[in-house]
């Protein structure tokens, strides 16, 4: 879902649900404008029991763009 109207210092929250829940080979990755995202002080990514969340604390102007969550397995 698109998030608009955020100001510097606001937070952003993204979530989705994945199936199958118990797939040991399931890999979840987040991308920002096509580039892989990694855990940072401001970014927290969690994937547990099919529930996937990414939170960005105190957004900054360079955080604008497209975010994609990609799930893959064998």
C-alpha atoms as a PDB file:
ATOM      1  CA  UNK A   1       0.000   0.000   0.000  1.00  0.00           C
ATOM      2  CA  UNK A   2       1.312   3.446  -0.873  1.00  0.00           C
ATOM      3  CA  UNK A   3       2.242   5.814   1.915  1.00  0.00           C
ATOM      4  CA  UNK A   4       2.163   9.506   1.043  1.00  0.00           C
ATOM      5  CA  UNK A   5       2.431  12.759   2.930  1.00  0.00           C
ATOM      6  CA  UNK A   6       5.178  11.711   5.335  1.00  0.00           C
ATOM      7  CA  UNK A   7       7.451  14.407   6.696  1.00  0.00           C
ATOM      8  CA  UNK A   8      11.058  14.088   7.851  1.00  0.00           C
ATOM      9  CA  UNK A   9      11.011  12.400  11.234  1.00  0.00           C
ATOM     10  CA  UNK A  10       7.752  10.471  10.685  1.00  0.00           C
ATOM     11  CA  UNK A  11       7.738   6.671  10.655  1.00  0.00           C
ATOM     12  CA  UNK A  12       6.603   4.250   7.938  1.00  0.00           C
ATOM     13  CA  UNK A  13       5.184   0.745   8.364  1.00  0.00           C
ATOM     14  CA  UNK A  14       4.810  -1.928   5.663  1.00  0.00           C
ATOM     15  CA  UNK A  15       3.411  -5.423   6.142  1.00  0.00           C
ATOM     16  CA  UNK A  16       2.239  -8.487   4.258  1.00  0.00           C
ATOM     17  CA  UNK A  17       1.359 -12.125   4.835  1.00  0.00           C
ATOM     18  CA  UNK A  18       3.125 -15.018   3.128  1.00  0.00           C
ATOM     19  CA  UNK A  19       2.051 -18.600   2.494  1.00  0.00           C
ATOM     20  CA  UNK A  20       3.355 -21.286   3.078  1.00  0.00           C
ATOM     21  CA  UNK A  21       4.091 -20.380   6.670  1.00  0.00           C
ATOM     22  CA  UNK A  22       6.460 -23.253   7.546  1.00  0.00           C
ATOM     23  CA  UNK A  23       8.648 -23.360   4.421  1.00  0.00           C
ATOM     24  CA  UNK A  24      12.237 -23.673   5.647  1.00  0.00           C
ATOM     25  CA  UNK A  25      13.514 -22.570   2.211  1.00  0.00           C
ATOM     26  CA  UNK A  26      11.497 -19.353   2.139  1.00  0.00           C
ATOM     27  CA  UNK A  27      13.667 -16.269   1.654  1.00  0.00           C
ATOM     28  CA  UNK A  28      12.260 -12.755   2.187  1.00  0.00           C
ATOM     29  CA  UNK A  29      14.051  -9.714   0.783  1.00  0.00           C
ATOM     30  CA  UNK A  30      13.185  -6.012   0.710  1.00  0.00           C
ATOM     31  CA  UNK A  31      14.209  -3.617  -2.059  1.00  0.00           C
ATOM     32  CA  UNK A  32      14.199   0.184  -2.307  1.00  0.00           C
ATOM     33  CA  UNK A  33      14.167   1.510  -5.874  1.00  0.00           C
ATOM     34  CA  UNK A  34      15.480  -1.870  -7.066  1.00  0.00           C
ATOM     35  CA  UNK A  35      18.375  -2.037  -4.580  1.00  0.00           C
ATOM     36  CA  UNK A  36      18.498  -4.585  -1.729  1.00  0.00           C
ATOM     37  CA  UNK A  37      17.746  -3.205   1.722  1.00  0.00           C
ATOM     38  CA  UNK A  38      19.575  -4.300   4.846  1.00  0.00           C
ATOM     39  CA  UNK A  39      18.911  -3.795   8.542  1.00  0.00           C
ATOM     40  CA  UNK A  40      20.032  -0.336   9.621  1.00  0.00           C
ATOM     41  CA  UNK A  41      19.497   1.716  12.743  1.00  0.00           C
ATOM     42  CA  UNK A  42      16.343   3.216  11.235  1.00  0.00           C
ATOM     43  CA  UNK A  43      15.093   0.140   9.361  1.00  0.00           C
ATOM     44  CA  UNK A  44      13.785  -3.014  10.974  1.00  0.00           C
ATOM     45  CA  UNK A  45      12.655  -6.033   8.958  1.00  0.00           C
ATOM     46  CA  UNK A  46      10.938  -9.037  10.515  1.00  0.00           C
ATOM     47  CA  UNK A  47       9.610 -12.229   8.938  1.00  0.00           C
ATOM     48  CA  UNK A  48       7.992 -14.674  11.337  1.00  0.00           C
ATOM     49  CA  UNK A  49       5.232 -17.283  10.886  1.00  0.00           C
ATOM     50  CA  UNK A  50       4.227 -15.869   7.491  1.00  0.00           C
ATOM     51  CA  UNK A  51       3.899 -12.302   8.761  1.00  0.00           C
ATOM     52  CA  UNK A  52       6.375  -9.866   7.187  1.00  0.00           C
ATOM     53  CA  UNK A  53       6.987  -6.335   8.466  1.00  0.00           C
ATOM     54  CA  UNK A  54       9.343  -3.493   7.624  1.00  0.00           C
ATOM     55  CA  UNK A  55       9.430  -0.356   9.752  1.00  0.00           C
ATOM     56  CA  UNK A  56      11.364   2.792   8.973  1.00  0.00           C
ATOM     57  CA  UNK A  57      11.895   5.064  11.950  1.00  0.00           C
ATOM     58  CA  UNK A  58      12.192   8.818  11.351  1.00  0.00           C
ATOM     59  CA  UNK A  59      12.022   8.835   7.540  1.00  0.00           C
ATOM     60  CA  UNK A  60      14.255  11.156   5.547  1.00  0.00           C
ATOM     61  CA  UNK A  61      13.768  12.620   2.081  1.00  0.00           C
ATOM     62  CA  UNK A  62      16.097  10.063   0.446  1.00  0.00           C
ATOM     63  CA  UNK A  63      13.776   7.273   1.691  1.00  0.00           C
ATOM     64  CA  UNK A  64      11.145   8.194  -0.907  1.00  0.00           C
ATOM     65  CA  UNK A  65      10.632   5.762  -3.777  1.00  0.00           C
ATOM     66  CA  UNK A  66       9.344   2.261  -4.423  1.00  0.00           C
ATOM     67  CA  UNK A  67       9.631  -0.497  -1.811  1.00  0.00           C
ATOM     68  CA  UNK A  68       9.192  -4.123  -2.839  1.00  0.00           C
ATOM     69  CA  UNK A  69       9.022  -7.239  -0.697  1.00  0.00           C
ATOM     70  CA  UNK A  70      10.151 -10.353  -2.580  1.00  0.00           C
ATOM     71  CA  UNK A  71       9.585 -13.871  -1.291  1.00  0.00           C
ATOM     72  CA  UNK A  72      11.221 -16.866  -2.951  1.00  0.00           C
ATOM     73  CA  UNK A  73      11.902 -20.535  -2.316  1.00  0.00           C
ATOM     74  CA  UNK A  74      13.190 -23.520  -4.234  1.00  0.00           C
END
